[in-house]
Amino acid sequence: MKLVFKVDEDDKSKLQNILDEDPVSRLSISQKNAKALDLEMEGVLTVLEGAEDSCEKAREELSKFAEELEDEEKKKVVESIEAAEKEAEEGFGSIFG
């Protein structure tokens, strides 16, 4: 299961507290600032991927203050984060390659 949330900068500490809690901490977690990805939105974008029960717990907690992205917005964010991570991996490869 994969979830995408947009969190206001003011709520970053709330986000981190939830991401550090069990079972959410067992998920694959990617975070990027929307501006760093050149997306037309603001805030911290968080992609959570893993077991359905852990994702549901994350959804329950995050939906209290974060916006869950769906459909085209979700797809766009996931693609942007994956491209940024791939670019970073290639950069490390050229350093250590």
Protein backbone atom coordinates (compact mmCIF):
# COMPACT_ATOMS: atom_id res chain seq x y z
CA MET A 1 0.00 0.00 0.00
CA LYS A 2 1.24 3.50 -0.79
CA LEU A 3 0.02 6.77 0.78
CA VAL A 4 1.02 10.36 0.03
CA PHE A 5 0.50 13.26 2.42
CA LYS A 6 1.14 16.99 2.22
CA VAL A 7 2.04 18.54 5.57
CA ASP A 8 2.38 22.25 6.33
CA GLU A 9 5.85 23.37 7.39
CA ASP A 10 4.39 24.38 10.78
CA ASP A 11 3.39 20.75 11.42
CA LYS A 12 6.76 19.12 10.67
CA SER A 13 7.35 18.22 14.32
CA LYS A 14 3.92 16.52 14.54
CA LEU A 15 4.76 14.60 11.38
CA GLN A 16 8.11 13.45 12.72
CA ASN A 17 6.56 12.29 15.99
CA ILE A 18 4.12 10.07 14.10
CA LEU A 19 6.80 8.74 11.75
CA ASP A 20 8.93 7.75 14.75
CA GLU A 21 6.11 5.73 16.36
CA ASP A 22 5.62 2.01 15.93
CA PRO A 23 4.17 0.59 13.59
CA VAL A 24 4.47 3.62 11.28
CA SER A 25 8.26 3.67 11.70
CA ARG A 26 8.41 0.25 9.96
CA LEU A 27 7.10 1.72 6.69
CA SER A 28 9.27 2.85 3.82
CA ILE A 29 9.23 6.65 4.21
CA SER A 30 10.30 9.30 1.69
CA GLN A 31 10.05 13.02 2.38
CA LYS A 32 10.78 16.04 0.23
CA ASN A 33 9.93 19.71 0.33
CA ALA A 34 7.45 20.51 -2.46
CA LYS A 35 9.53 23.49 -3.60
CA ALA A 36 12.63 21.30 -3.95
CA LEU A 37 10.63 19.16 -6.40
CA ASP A 38 9.40 22.20 -8.36
CA LEU A 39 5.79 21.30 -7.69
CA GLU A 40 3.06 23.92 -7.54
CA MET A 41 2.26 23.33 -3.88
CA GLU A 42 3.82 24.07 -0.54
CA GLY A 43 4.78 21.93 2.41
CA VAL A 44 6.48 18.65 3.14
CA LEU A 45 5.47 15.77 0.89
CA THR A 46 5.61 12.36 2.52
CA VAL A 47 5.27 9.00 0.78
CA LEU A 48 4.59 6.01 3.00
CA GLU A 49 4.73 2.49 1.62
CA GLY A 50 4.33 -0.87 3.28
CA ALA A 51 1.92 -3.14 5.10
CA GLU A 52 -1.73 -2.15 4.94
CA ASP A 53 -2.26 -2.15 8.72
CA SER A 54 0.73 0.16 9.29
CA CYS A 55 -0.40 2.46 6.47
CA GLU A 56 -3.90 2.62 7.94
CA LYS A 57 -2.46 3.60 11.34
CA ALA A 58 -0.41 6.32 9.63
CA ARG A 59 -3.49 7.53 7.73
CA GLU A 60 -5.51 7.67 10.96
CA GLU A 61 -2.88 9.80 12.73
CA LEU A 62 -1.77 12.02 9.82
CA SER A 63 -5.26 12.89 8.63
CA LYS A 64 -5.72 14.88 11.84
CA PHE A 65 -3.46 17.62 10.42
CA ALA A 66 -2.21 16.58 6.97
CA GLU A 67 -3.84 16.38 3.56
CA GLU A 68 -3.82 13.00 1.85
CA LEU A 69 -3.15 13.35 -1.87
CA GLU A 70 -4.93 11.08 -4.31
CA ASP A 71 -5.20 10.36 -8.02
CA GLU A 72 -3.18 12.69 -10.28
CA GLU A 73 -1.64 14.69 -7.41
CA LYS A 74 -0.49 11.49 -5.74
CA LYS A 75 0.95 10.13 -8.99
CA LYS A 76 2.80 13.38 -9.70
CA VAL A 77 4.35 13.50 -6.22
CA VAL A 78 5.42 9.84 -6.29
CA GLU A 79 7.02 10.26 -9.72
CA SER A 80 8.83 13.44 -8.64
CA ILE A 81 10.20 11.91 -5.44
CA GLU A 82 11.29 8.72 -7.22
CA ALA A 83 13.07 10.78 -9.89
CA ALA A 84 14.84 12.88 -7.23
CA GLU A 85 15.95 9.75 -5.36
CA LYS A 86 17.20 8.12 -8.57
CA GLU A 87 19.15 11.27 -9.44
CA ALA A 88 20.72 11.26 -5.97
CA GLU A 89 21.68 7.58 -6.32
CA GLU A 90 23.31 8.25 -9.68
CA GLY A 91 25.23 11.15 -8.13
CA PHE A 92 26.58 8.90 -5.37
CA GLY A 93 27.47 6.29 -7.98
CA SER A 94 29.62 8.75 -9.88
CA ILE A 95 31.40 9.75 -6.67
CA PHE A 96 32.10 6.19 -5.51
CA GLY A 97 31.91 4.42 -8.90
